Amino acid sequence: MNTTSAARGALLLLILAACTATPSPTPQATAEPTPEPTPVAQWATFTSERFGYAIEHPADWEARQNPGTPIIENLRPFVGGTDLIASLETHRFQHRHGVQVASLEVDPAQTLDEFTNSVHMPCGGPNHEEETILDGEPALIRHFRCDGNHPVYLQATTFHEGRGYVLWFMTIEPPIATERPEYRQMLESFAFTDTAAAAADGS
């Protein structure tokens, strides 16, 4: 075999070796661990047939309908004729924590400002007031503190179908009522069902 043939043979062997060589493994990207889903608090819905509304609340809270008819002059926490939605501990020890809802028929000539003032807690003036909408109805939001050491209240009032509604969001521990996301979610979930108006009409 001459020199040229030998060189050609050697080159052919090198080409074949390169084609059959085992390719080096491609680096695999390290799989990122799948993040655990953020726990979502369980919620339930309470519907008041006598007052004609529905509201969402934490599932471990309980809604209790205190018998009786709300009386404007005595419309305070833990009085008769109101709904109290709160933890079992609150119900047991009557802590001012949770939300209390009351509704009653109002004089057609009464304004929302007048109704709001009539149900306002007497222990202190409003620290803040704002206008808002509650399930399509004009509403007033107030928040205030009673006598410095007492609960901070977030109060919402509105009219619907000839009835006045008041919601008191209370707390005896930080964060204060206006800074509690669960209270804001409850307020945003509030909706009228008109069952109270139907009952008043005898439907």
N, C-alpha and C. Protein backbone atom coordinates (compact mmCIF):
# COMPACT_ATOMS: atom_id res chain seq x y z
N MET A 1 0.87 -1.17 0.00
CA MET A 1 0.00 0.00 0.00
C MET A 1 0.90 1.22 0.00
N ASN A 2 0.62 2.14 -0.92
CA ASN A 2 1.46 3.31 -0.98
C ASN A 2 1.10 4.30 0.11
N THR A 3 1.87 5.36 0.17
CA THR A 3 1.68 6.35 1.25
C THR A 3 0.34 7.04 1.13
N THR A 4 -0.10 7.34 -0.10
CA THR A 4 -1.37 8.05 -0.29
C THR A 4 -2.54 7.20 0.16
N SER A 5 -2.49 5.92 -0.19
CA SER A 5 -3.57 5.02 0.23
C SER A 5 -3.60 4.87 1.74
N ALA A 6 -2.46 4.80 2.35
CA ALA A 6 -2.40 4.67 3.81
C ALA A 6 -3.00 5.91 4.49
N ALA A 7 -2.70 7.06 3.93
CA ALA A 7 -3.21 8.29 4.52
C ALA A 7 -4.72 8.35 4.39
N ARG A 8 -5.19 7.92 3.19
CA ARG A 8 -6.64 7.92 3.00
C ARG A 8 -7.32 6.95 3.96
N GLY A 9 -6.71 5.81 4.19
CA GLY A 9 -7.29 4.82 5.11
C GLY A 9 -7.35 5.35 6.53
N ALA A 10 -6.26 6.00 6.93
CA ALA A 10 -6.23 6.56 8.29
C ALA A 10 -7.30 7.63 8.47
N LEU A 11 -7.49 8.47 7.42
CA LEU A 11 -8.49 9.51 7.50
C LEU A 11 -9.90 8.92 7.59
N LEU A 12 -10.13 7.86 6.82
CA LEU A 12 -11.44 7.19 6.84
C LEU A 12 -11.74 6.61 8.22
N LEU A 13 -10.69 6.01 8.83
CA LEU A 13 -10.88 5.45 10.18
C LEU A 13 -11.21 6.54 11.20
N LEU A 14 -10.58 7.70 11.04
CA LEU A 14 -10.85 8.80 11.97
C LEU A 14 -12.29 9.31 11.82
N ILE A 15 -12.76 9.37 10.57
CA ILE A 15 -14.12 9.83 10.32
C ILE A 15 -15.13 8.86 10.91
N LEU A 16 -14.90 7.56 10.70
CA LEU A 16 -15.80 6.55 11.25
C LEU A 16 -15.83 6.59 12.77
N ALA A 17 -14.68 6.78 13.37
CA ALA A 17 -14.60 6.84 14.84
C ALA A 17 -15.38 8.04 15.38
N ALA A 18 -15.28 9.15 14.68
CA ALA A 18 -16.00 10.35 15.13
C ALA A 18 -17.50 10.17 15.04
N CYS A 19 -17.95 9.44 13.98
CA CYS A 19 -19.39 9.25 13.81
C CYS A 19 -19.99 8.29 14.81
N THR A 20 -19.19 7.34 15.26
CA THR A 20 -19.72 6.33 16.16
C THR A 20 -19.43 6.63 17.62
N ALA A 21 -18.76 7.71 17.88
CA ALA A 21 -18.44 8.03 19.28
C ALA A 21 -19.72 8.33 20.06
N THR A 22 -19.73 7.92 21.30
CA THR A 22 -20.90 8.16 22.16
C THR A 22 -20.98 9.64 22.49
N PRO A 23 -22.12 10.27 22.16
CA PRO A 23 -22.21 11.71 22.44
C PRO A 23 -22.20 11.97 23.94
N SER A 24 -21.58 13.06 24.31
CA SER A 24 -21.56 13.39 25.74
C SER A 24 -22.96 13.80 26.17
N PRO A 25 -23.38 13.44 27.39
CA PRO A 25 -24.73 13.75 27.83
C PRO A 25 -24.97 15.25 27.93
N THR A 26 -26.16 15.65 27.49
CA THR A 26 -26.54 17.06 27.59
C THR A 26 -26.93 17.37 29.03
N PRO A 27 -26.37 18.43 29.61
CA PRO A 27 -26.73 18.76 31.01
C PRO A 27 -28.23 19.01 31.11
N GLN A 28 -28.85 18.39 32.10
CA GLN A 28 -30.28 18.56 32.34
C GLN A 28 -30.52 19.67 33.36
N ALA A 29 -31.47 20.52 33.04
CA ALA A 29 -31.82 21.59 33.99
C ALA A 29 -32.43 20.97 35.24
N THR A 30 -32.01 21.47 36.37
CA THR A 30 -32.55 20.97 37.64
C THR A 30 -34.00 21.40 37.78
N ALA A 31 -34.88 20.43 37.98
CA ALA A 31 -36.31 20.73 38.09
C ALA A 31 -36.58 21.52 39.37
N GLU A 32 -37.28 22.63 39.21
CA GLU A 32 -37.66 23.43 40.38
C GLU A 32 -38.78 22.72 41.14
N PRO A 33 -38.69 22.67 42.45
CA PRO A 33 -39.78 22.02 43.20
C PRO A 33 -41.07 22.78 43.03
N THR A 34 -42.17 22.06 42.88
CA THR A 34 -43.48 22.68 42.73
C THR A 34 -43.89 23.33 44.05
N PRO A 35 -44.16 24.64 44.03
CA PRO A 35 -44.52 25.30 45.30
C PRO A 35 -45.83 24.76 45.84
N GLU A 36 -45.89 24.66 47.14
CA GLU A 36 -47.12 24.22 47.78
C GLU A 36 -48.17 25.31 47.64
N PRO A 37 -49.40 24.94 47.32
CA PRO A 37 -50.44 25.97 47.20
C PRO A 37 -50.67 26.67 48.53
N THR A 38 -50.91 27.97 48.44
CA THR A 38 -51.20 28.73 49.66
C THR A 38 -52.54 28.28 50.23
N PRO A 39 -52.56 27.92 51.50
CA PRO A 39 -53.84 27.49 52.08
C PRO A 39 -54.90 28.56 51.95
N VAL A 40 -56.08 28.18 51.58
CA VAL A 40 -57.19 29.11 51.44
C VAL A 40 -58.16 28.89 52.60
N ALA A 41 -58.46 29.96 53.29
CA ALA A 41 -59.38 29.84 54.42
C ALA A 41 -60.73 29.36 53.94
N GLN A 42 -61.34 28.49 54.69
CA GLN A 42 -62.66 27.98 54.34
C GLN A 42 -63.72 29.00 54.75
N TRP A 43 -64.67 29.23 53.84
CA TRP A 43 -65.72 30.19 54.09
C TRP A 43 -67.08 29.54 53.92
N ALA A 44 -68.05 30.09 54.60
CA ALA A 44 -69.43 29.62 54.50
C ALA A 44 -70.31 30.84 54.26
N THR A 45 -71.55 30.60 53.93
CA THR A 45 -72.50 31.69 53.68
C THR A 45 -73.69 31.57 54.63
N PHE A 46 -74.00 32.66 55.30
CA PHE A 46 -75.18 32.72 56.15
C PHE A 46 -76.24 33.55 55.44
N THR A 47 -77.47 33.04 55.41
CA THR A 47 -78.59 33.76 54.81
C THR A 47 -79.63 34.02 55.88
N SER A 48 -79.96 35.28 56.07
CA SER A 48 -80.98 35.67 57.05
C SER A 48 -82.30 35.83 56.34
N GLU A 49 -83.24 34.95 56.65
CA GLU A 49 -84.57 35.05 56.04
C GLU A 49 -85.35 36.23 56.62
N ARG A 50 -85.17 36.49 57.90
CA ARG A 50 -85.98 37.57 58.52
C ARG A 50 -85.51 38.96 58.09
N PHE A 51 -84.21 39.11 57.81
CA PHE A 51 -83.70 40.42 57.42
C PHE A 51 -83.43 40.53 55.92
N GLY A 52 -83.44 39.43 55.21
CA GLY A 52 -83.29 39.48 53.77
C GLY A 52 -81.90 39.81 53.28
N TYR A 53 -80.90 39.12 53.79
CA TYR A 53 -79.53 39.34 53.30
C TYR A 53 -78.75 38.03 53.40
N ALA A 54 -77.63 38.00 52.71
CA ALA A 54 -76.69 36.89 52.80
C ALA A 54 -75.29 37.48 52.96
N ILE A 55 -74.44 36.76 53.68
CA ILE A 55 -73.08 37.25 53.90
C ILE A 55 -72.15 36.05 54.09
N GLU A 56 -70.95 36.16 53.56
CA GLU A 56 -69.95 35.11 53.75
C GLU A 56 -69.22 35.34 55.07
N HIS A 57 -68.74 34.24 55.66
CA HIS A 57 -68.00 34.35 56.92
C HIS A 57 -67.06 33.16 57.04
N PRO A 58 -66.02 33.27 57.88
CA PRO A 58 -65.14 32.12 58.09
C PRO A 58 -65.94 30.90 58.53
N ALA A 59 -65.59 29.74 57.98
CA ALA A 59 -66.40 28.54 58.20
C ALA A 59 -66.44 28.10 59.66
N ASP A 60 -65.42 28.47 60.45
CA ASP A 60 -65.43 28.07 61.85
C ASP A 60 -66.16 29.09 62.73
N TRP A 61 -66.80 30.07 62.12
CA TRP A 61 -67.67 30.98 62.87
C TRP A 61 -69.10 30.48 62.79
N GLU A 62 -69.92 30.97 63.68
CA GLU A 62 -71.31 30.54 63.73
C GLU A 62 -72.23 31.76 63.75
N ALA A 63 -73.30 31.69 62.98
CA ALA A 63 -74.28 32.77 62.94
C ALA A 63 -75.42 32.43 63.89
N ARG A 64 -75.71 33.33 64.81
CA ARG A 64 -76.81 33.12 65.75
C ARG A 64 -77.78 34.29 65.63
N GLN A 65 -79.05 33.96 65.51
CA GLN A 65 -80.09 34.96 65.37
C GLN A 65 -80.76 35.19 66.72
N ASN A 66 -80.42 36.30 67.33
CA ASN A 66 -81.02 36.61 68.63
C ASN A 66 -82.49 36.96 68.43
N PRO A 67 -83.38 36.31 69.16
CA PRO A 67 -84.81 36.56 68.96
C PRO A 67 -85.19 37.98 69.36
N GLY A 68 -86.30 38.43 68.81
CA GLY A 68 -86.80 39.75 69.14
C GLY A 68 -86.76 40.68 67.95
N THR A 69 -87.15 41.91 68.18
CA THR A 69 -87.15 42.95 67.15
C THR A 69 -86.16 44.04 67.54
N PRO A 70 -85.29 44.42 66.63
CA PRO A 70 -84.33 45.48 66.98
C PRO A 70 -85.04 46.77 67.37
N ILE A 71 -84.52 47.43 68.37
CA ILE A 71 -85.04 48.72 68.81
C ILE A 71 -83.93 49.75 68.66
N ILE A 72 -84.21 50.79 67.89
CA ILE A 72 -83.18 51.78 67.59
C ILE A 72 -82.48 52.29 68.84
N GLU A 73 -83.27 52.62 69.86
CA GLU A 73 -82.69 53.21 71.07
C GLU A 73 -81.79 52.24 71.82
N ASN A 74 -81.93 50.94 71.53
CA ASN A 74 -81.14 49.95 72.25
C ASN A 74 -80.38 49.05 71.29
N LEU A 75 -80.07 49.58 70.12
CA LEU A 75 -79.41 48.77 69.10
C LEU A 75 -77.91 48.76 69.38
N ARG A 76 -77.51 47.85 70.25
CA ARG A 76 -76.12 47.74 70.67
C ARG A 76 -75.67 46.29 70.55
N PRO A 77 -74.38 46.02 70.64
CA PRO A 77 -73.93 44.62 70.56
C PRO A 77 -74.59 43.74 71.60
N PHE A 78 -74.94 42.53 71.20
CA PHE A 78 -75.50 41.50 72.06
C PHE A 78 -76.90 41.83 72.59
N VAL A 79 -77.65 42.62 71.85
CA VAL A 79 -79.02 42.87 72.24
C VAL A 79 -79.95 42.01 71.40
N GLY A 80 -81.22 41.94 71.79
CA GLY A 80 -82.18 41.12 71.08
C GLY A 80 -82.48 41.65 69.69
N GLY A 81 -82.88 40.72 68.82
CA GLY A 81 -83.30 41.10 67.48
C GLY A 81 -82.18 41.32 66.49
N THR A 82 -80.98 40.87 66.80
CA THR A 82 -79.86 41.04 65.89
C THR A 82 -79.26 39.68 65.54
N ASP A 83 -78.48 39.66 64.46
CA ASP A 83 -77.71 38.47 64.09
C ASP A 83 -76.26 38.71 64.50
N LEU A 84 -75.66 37.73 65.15
CA LEU A 84 -74.26 37.83 65.52
C LEU A 84 -73.51 36.69 64.86
N ILE A 85 -72.52 37.03 64.06
CA ILE A 85 -71.72 36.04 63.34
C ILE A 85 -70.30 36.14 63.88
N ALA A 86 -69.88 35.10 64.59
CA ALA A 86 -68.60 35.18 65.29
C ALA A 86 -68.13 33.78 65.67
N SER A 87 -66.95 33.73 66.28
CA SER A 87 -66.40 32.46 66.72
C SER A 87 -67.18 31.92 67.91
N LEU A 88 -67.02 30.64 68.17
CA LEU A 88 -67.70 30.04 69.32
C LEU A 88 -67.24 30.67 70.62
N GLU A 89 -65.97 31.06 70.68
CA GLU A 89 -65.44 31.71 71.88
C GLU A 89 -66.15 33.05 72.12
N THR A 90 -66.36 33.78 71.03
CA THR A 90 -67.06 35.06 71.15
C THR A 90 -68.47 34.86 71.67
N HIS A 91 -69.17 33.88 71.12
CA HIS A 91 -70.54 33.60 71.59
C HIS A 91 -70.54 33.20 73.07
N ARG A 92 -69.55 32.43 73.44
CA ARG A 92 -69.54 31.92 74.82
C ARG A 92 -69.23 33.01 75.84
N PHE A 93 -68.23 33.85 75.53
CA PHE A 93 -67.80 34.83 76.51
C PHE A 93 -68.29 36.25 76.19
N GLN A 94 -69.07 36.39 75.12
CA GLN A 94 -69.60 37.69 74.70
C GLN A 94 -68.49 38.71 74.51
N HIS A 95 -67.41 38.26 73.87
CA HIS A 95 -66.38 39.20 73.45
C HIS A 95 -66.96 40.05 72.31
N ARG A 96 -66.55 41.27 72.26
CA ARG A 96 -67.00 42.12 71.15
C ARG A 96 -66.05 41.91 69.98
N HIS A 97 -66.30 40.80 69.29
CA HIS A 97 -65.46 40.43 68.18
C HIS A 97 -66.32 39.67 67.17
N GLY A 98 -66.25 40.07 65.90
CA GLY A 98 -67.11 39.46 64.90
C GLY A 98 -67.98 40.53 64.26
N VAL A 99 -69.09 40.13 63.68
CA VAL A 99 -69.98 41.10 63.04
C VAL A 99 -71.41 40.91 63.56
N GLN A 100 -72.05 42.01 63.87
CA GLN A 100 -73.45 41.99 64.27
C GLN A 100 -74.26 42.74 63.21
N VAL A 101 -75.37 42.15 62.80
CA VAL A 101 -76.21 42.74 61.75
C VAL A 101 -77.62 42.93 62.30
N ALA A 102 -78.20 44.08 62.00
CA ALA A 102 -79.58 44.34 62.38
C ALA A 102 -80.27 45.05 61.23
N SER A 103 -81.58 44.86 61.15
CA SER A 103 -82.36 45.52 60.11
C SER A 103 -83.75 45.78 60.64
N LEU A 104 -84.34 46.88 60.23
CA LEU A 104 -85.70 47.21 60.65
C LEU A 104 -86.30 48.16 59.62
N GLU A 105 -87.62 48.22 59.61
CA GLU A 105 -88.31 49.12 58.70
C GLU A 105 -88.04 50.57 59.13
N VAL A 106 -87.91 51.43 58.14
CA VAL A 106 -87.61 52.83 58.43
C VAL A 106 -88.68 53.73 57.82
N ASP A 107 -88.81 54.91 58.37
CA ASP A 107 -89.73 55.91 57.84
C ASP A 107 -89.24 56.34 56.45
N PRO A 108 -90.10 56.38 55.46
CA PRO A 108 -89.68 56.77 54.11
C PRO A 108 -89.02 58.14 54.06
N ALA A 109 -89.35 59.01 55.02
CA ALA A 109 -88.77 60.36 55.02
C ALA A 109 -87.39 60.40 55.66
N GLN A 110 -86.98 59.31 56.32
CA GLN A 110 -85.70 59.31 57.02
C GLN A 110 -84.55 59.22 56.02
N THR A 111 -83.52 60.00 56.26
CA THR A 111 -82.35 59.96 55.39
C THR A 111 -81.34 58.94 55.92
N LEU A 112 -80.41 58.58 55.05
CA LEU A 112 -79.38 57.63 55.47
C LEU A 112 -78.51 58.23 56.57
N ASP A 113 -78.24 59.53 56.48
CA ASP A 113 -77.46 60.19 57.54
C ASP A 113 -78.19 60.10 58.88
N GLU A 114 -79.48 60.34 58.87
CA GLU A 114 -80.26 60.28 60.11
C GLU A 114 -80.27 58.86 60.68
N PHE A 115 -80.45 57.89 59.81
CA PHE A 115 -80.45 56.50 60.28
C PHE A 115 -79.08 56.13 60.85
N THR A 116 -78.03 56.53 60.16
CA THR A 116 -76.67 56.22 60.61
C THR A 116 -76.41 56.80 61.99
N ASN A 117 -76.83 58.04 62.19
CA ASN A 117 -76.63 58.67 63.50
C ASN A 117 -77.46 57.99 64.58
N SER A 118 -78.64 57.48 64.21
CA SER A 118 -79.52 56.88 65.21
C SER A 118 -78.98 55.54 65.72
N VAL A 119 -78.19 54.86 64.90
CA VAL A 119 -77.66 53.55 65.34
C VAL A 119 -76.20 53.64 65.76
N HIS A 120 -75.62 54.81 65.68
CA HIS A 120 -74.21 54.97 66.02
C HIS A 120 -73.98 54.75 67.51
N MET A 121 -72.91 54.04 67.84
CA MET A 121 -72.59 53.81 69.25
C MET A 121 -72.37 55.14 69.96
N PRO A 122 -72.92 55.32 71.16
CA PRO A 122 -72.85 56.61 71.85
C PRO A 122 -71.50 56.87 72.51
N CYS A 123 -70.57 55.92 72.45
CA CYS A 123 -69.34 56.07 73.22
C CYS A 123 -68.31 56.97 72.57
N GLY A 124 -68.53 57.37 71.34
CA GLY A 124 -67.55 58.25 70.70
C GLY A 124 -67.99 58.60 69.30
N GLY A 125 -67.53 59.75 68.83
CA GLY A 125 -67.88 60.18 67.49
C GLY A 125 -67.09 59.41 66.45
N PRO A 126 -67.53 59.48 65.19
CA PRO A 126 -66.80 58.77 64.14
C PRO A 126 -65.43 59.38 63.90
N ASN A 127 -64.40 58.53 63.82
CA ASN A 127 -63.06 59.01 63.48
C ASN A 127 -62.92 59.19 61.97
N HIS A 128 -63.76 58.48 61.23
CA HIS A 128 -63.69 58.56 59.78
C HIS A 128 -65.03 58.13 59.21
N GLU A 129 -65.44 58.79 58.13
CA GLU A 129 -66.67 58.42 57.45
C GLU A 129 -66.45 58.51 55.95
N GLU A 130 -67.01 57.55 55.22
CA GLU A 130 -66.88 57.57 53.76
C GLU A 130 -68.15 57.01 53.14
N GLU A 131 -68.43 57.47 51.94
CA GLU A 131 -69.56 56.96 51.18
C GLU A 131 -69.11 55.78 50.32
N THR A 132 -69.98 54.79 50.20
CA THR A 132 -69.64 53.62 49.39
C THR A 132 -70.94 53.03 48.83
N ILE A 133 -70.83 51.87 48.21
CA ILE A 133 -71.98 51.16 47.67
C ILE A 133 -72.00 49.76 48.29
N LEU A 134 -73.17 49.35 48.76
CA LEU A 134 -73.33 48.02 49.34
C LEU A 134 -74.39 47.27 48.55
N ASP A 135 -73.96 46.32 47.75
CA ASP A 135 -74.83 45.56 46.86
C ASP A 135 -75.76 46.49 46.07
N GLY A 136 -75.18 47.50 45.49
CA GLY A 136 -75.94 48.40 44.63
C GLY A 136 -76.62 49.56 45.32
N GLU A 137 -76.61 49.59 46.65
CA GLU A 137 -77.28 50.65 47.40
C GLU A 137 -76.25 51.62 47.99
N PRO A 138 -76.55 52.93 48.01
CA PRO A 138 -75.67 53.88 48.69
C PRO A 138 -75.51 53.49 50.16
N ALA A 139 -74.31 53.61 50.66
CA ALA A 139 -74.03 53.21 52.04
C ALA A 139 -73.02 54.15 52.66
N LEU A 140 -73.00 54.18 53.98
CA LEU A 140 -72.03 54.95 54.73
C LEU A 140 -71.17 54.01 55.57
N ILE A 141 -69.87 54.25 55.55
CA ILE A 141 -68.93 53.48 56.37
C ILE A 141 -68.36 54.42 57.43
N ARG A 142 -68.40 54.00 58.67
CA ARG A 142 -67.75 54.73 59.75
C ARG A 142 -66.83 53.79 60.50
N HIS A 143 -65.75 54.32 61.00
CA HIS A 143 -64.99 53.53 61.99
C HIS A 143 -64.59 54.44 63.13
N PHE A 144 -64.65 53.87 64.33
CA PHE A 144 -64.43 54.66 65.53
C PHE A 144 -64.04 53.76 66.68
N ARG A 145 -63.46 54.36 67.70
CA ARG A 145 -63.03 53.65 68.90
C ARG A 145 -63.84 54.16 70.08
N CYS A 146 -64.25 53.24 70.94
CA CYS A 146 -65.03 53.63 72.11
C CYS A 146 -64.13 53.80 73.33
N ASP A 147 -64.06 55.00 73.85
CA ASP A 147 -63.40 55.28 75.14
C ASP A 147 -61.96 54.79 75.20
N GLY A 148 -61.28 54.76 74.12
CA GLY A 148 -59.86 54.44 74.12
C GLY A 148 -59.53 52.97 74.25
N ASN A 149 -60.04 52.30 75.27
CA ASN A 149 -59.66 50.91 75.52
C ASN A 149 -60.70 49.91 75.05
N HIS A 150 -61.79 50.39 74.48
CA HIS A 150 -62.85 49.49 74.05
C HIS A 150 -62.66 49.09 72.60
N PRO A 151 -63.49 48.20 72.08
CA PRO A 151 -63.29 47.70 70.72
C PRO A 151 -63.34 48.81 69.67
N VAL A 152 -62.64 48.56 68.59
CA VAL A 152 -62.72 49.44 67.43
C VAL A 152 -63.82 48.91 66.53
N TYR A 153 -64.72 49.78 66.12
CA TYR A 153 -65.86 49.38 65.30
C TYR A 153 -65.69 49.87 63.86
N LEU A 154 -66.09 49.01 62.94
CA LEU A 154 -66.28 49.40 61.55
C LEU A 154 -67.77 49.25 61.30
N GLN A 155 -68.45 50.34 61.05
CA GLN A 155 -69.91 50.34 60.94
C GLN A 155 -70.32 50.65 59.50
N ALA A 156 -71.25 49.86 58.97
CA ALA A 156 -71.79 50.11 57.64
C ALA A 156 -73.30 50.22 57.75
N THR A 157 -73.86 51.23 57.10
CA THR A 157 -75.31 51.42 57.11
C THR A 157 -75.80 51.64 55.68
N THR A 158 -77.02 51.16 55.41
CA THR A 158 -77.61 51.33 54.09
C THR A 158 -79.12 51.13 54.17
N PHE A 159 -79.82 51.50 53.11
CA PHE A 159 -81.25 51.29 52.97
C PHE A 159 -81.50 50.32 51.81
N HIS A 160 -82.57 49.53 51.97
CA HIS A 160 -82.99 48.66 50.86
C HIS A 160 -84.43 48.23 51.09
N GLU A 161 -85.26 48.47 50.08
CA GLU A 161 -86.66 48.05 50.11
C GLU A 161 -87.38 48.48 51.38
N GLY A 162 -87.17 49.75 51.79
CA GLY A 162 -87.86 50.29 52.94
C GLY A 162 -87.31 49.87 54.28
N ARG A 163 -86.12 49.25 54.28
CA ARG A 163 -85.50 48.81 55.53
C ARG A 163 -84.13 49.45 55.68
N GLY A 164 -83.77 49.70 56.94
CA GLY A 164 -82.43 50.17 57.24
C GLY A 164 -81.59 49.00 57.72
N TYR A 165 -80.34 48.95 57.30
CA TYR A 165 -79.43 47.88 57.68
C TYR A 165 -78.21 48.49 58.34
N VAL A 166 -77.75 47.85 59.41
CA VAL A 166 -76.51 48.27 60.05
C VAL A 166 -75.66 47.02 60.31
N LEU A 167 -74.39 47.11 59.96
CA LEU A 167 -73.43 46.04 60.22
C LEU A 167 -72.34 46.61 61.11
N TRP A 168 -72.09 45.97 62.23
CA TRP A 168 -71.00 46.36 63.13
C TRP A 168 -69.93 45.29 63.09
N PHE A 169 -68.76 45.67 62.64
CA PHE A 169 -67.60 44.78 62.68
C PHE A 169 -66.78 45.19 63.89
N MET A 170 -66.58 44.25 64.82
CA MET A 170 -65.97 44.56 66.10
C MET A 170 -64.69 43.76 66.29
N THR A 171 -63.79 44.28 67.10
CA THR A 171 -62.62 43.50 67.49
C THR A 171 -62.08 44.01 68.82
N ILE A 172 -61.57 43.08 69.61
CA ILE A 172 -60.96 43.44 70.89
C ILE A 172 -59.47 43.17 70.88
N GLU A 173 -58.94 42.80 69.71
CA GLU A 173 -57.52 42.46 69.61
C GLU A 173 -56.98 42.96 68.28
N PRO A 174 -55.67 43.24 68.23
CA PRO A 174 -55.10 43.69 66.96
C PRO A 174 -55.09 42.55 65.94
N PRO A 175 -55.14 42.88 64.64
CA PRO A 175 -55.26 44.24 64.10
C PRO A 175 -56.68 44.78 64.27
N ILE A 176 -56.81 46.09 64.17
CA ILE A 176 -58.10 46.72 64.38
C ILE A 176 -59.06 46.36 63.25
N ALA A 177 -60.33 46.65 63.45
CA ALA A 177 -61.38 46.20 62.53
C ALA A 177 -61.15 46.67 61.10
N THR A 178 -60.65 47.87 60.93
CA THR A 178 -60.46 48.41 59.59
C THR A 178 -59.29 47.77 58.86
N GLU A 179 -58.46 47.03 59.56
CA GLU A 179 -57.28 46.41 58.95
C GLU A 179 -57.40 44.90 58.84
N ARG A 180 -58.60 44.37 59.07
CA ARG A 180 -58.80 42.93 59.01
C ARG A 180 -59.34 42.54 57.63
N PRO A 181 -58.55 41.76 56.86
CA PRO A 181 -59.02 41.39 55.52
C PRO A 181 -60.29 40.54 55.54
N GLU A 182 -60.49 39.76 56.61
CA GLU A 182 -61.71 38.95 56.65
C GLU A 182 -62.95 39.83 56.80
N TYR A 183 -62.83 40.94 57.51
CA TYR A 183 -63.96 41.85 57.64
C TYR A 183 -64.26 42.51 56.30
N ARG A 184 -63.22 42.90 55.59
CA ARG A 184 -63.43 43.52 54.29
C ARG A 184 -64.09 42.53 53.32
N GLN A 185 -63.65 41.27 53.37
CA GLN A 185 -64.25 40.28 52.49
C GLN A 185 -65.71 40.04 52.85
N MET A 186 -66.02 40.02 54.13
CA MET A 186 -67.41 39.84 54.56
C MET A 186 -68.27 41.00 54.07
N LEU A 187 -67.76 42.22 54.21
CA LEU A 187 -68.52 43.39 53.78
C LEU A 187 -68.75 43.35 52.28
N GLU A 188 -67.73 42.96 51.52
CA GLU A 188 -67.87 42.91 50.06
C GLU A 188 -68.82 41.80 49.62
N SER A 189 -68.98 40.77 50.44
CA SER A 189 -69.86 39.65 50.07
C SER A 189 -71.33 39.92 50.40
N PHE A 190 -71.59 40.95 51.18
CA PHE A 190 -72.95 41.22 51.64
C PHE A 190 -73.88 41.43 50.45
N ALA A 191 -75.03 40.75 50.47
CA ALA A 191 -76.00 40.86 49.36
C ALA A 191 -77.41 40.76 49.90
N PHE A 192 -78.32 41.51 49.30
CA PHE A 192 -79.73 41.47 49.69
C PHE A 192 -80.41 40.28 49.01
N THR A 193 -81.32 39.64 49.75
CA THR A 193 -82.08 38.53 49.18
C THR A 193 -83.56 38.85 49.05
N ASP A 194 -83.98 39.96 49.65
CA ASP A 194 -85.37 40.45 49.57
C ASP A 194 -86.38 39.53 50.24
N THR A 195 -85.93 38.57 51.02
CA THR A 195 -86.89 37.71 51.71
C THR A 195 -87.63 38.47 52.79
N ALA A 196 -86.98 39.44 53.41
CA ALA A 196 -87.66 40.22 54.45
C ALA A 196 -88.77 41.06 53.85
N ALA A 197 -88.52 41.65 52.69
CA ALA A 197 -89.55 42.45 52.04
C ALA A 197 -90.72 41.58 51.61
N ALA A 198 -90.40 40.36 51.13
CA ALA A 198 -91.46 39.44 50.72
C ALA A 198 -92.32 39.04 51.92
N ALA A 199 -91.68 38.81 53.06
CA ALA A 199 -92.43 38.43 54.26
C ALA A 199 -93.31 39.58 54.72
N ALA A 200 -92.80 40.79 54.62
CA ALA A 200 -93.60 41.96 55.03
C ALA A 200 -94.80 42.14 54.14
N ASP A 201 -94.67 41.75 52.87
CA ASP A 201 -95.79 41.88 51.93
C ASP A 201 -96.77 40.71 52.02
N GLY A 202 -96.41 39.71 52.84
CA GLY A 202 -97.26 38.54 52.96
C GLY A 202 -97.11 37.57 51.82
N SER A 203 -96.01 37.64 51.08
CA SER A 203 -95.80 36.75 49.95
C SER A 203 -95.40 35.37 50.43
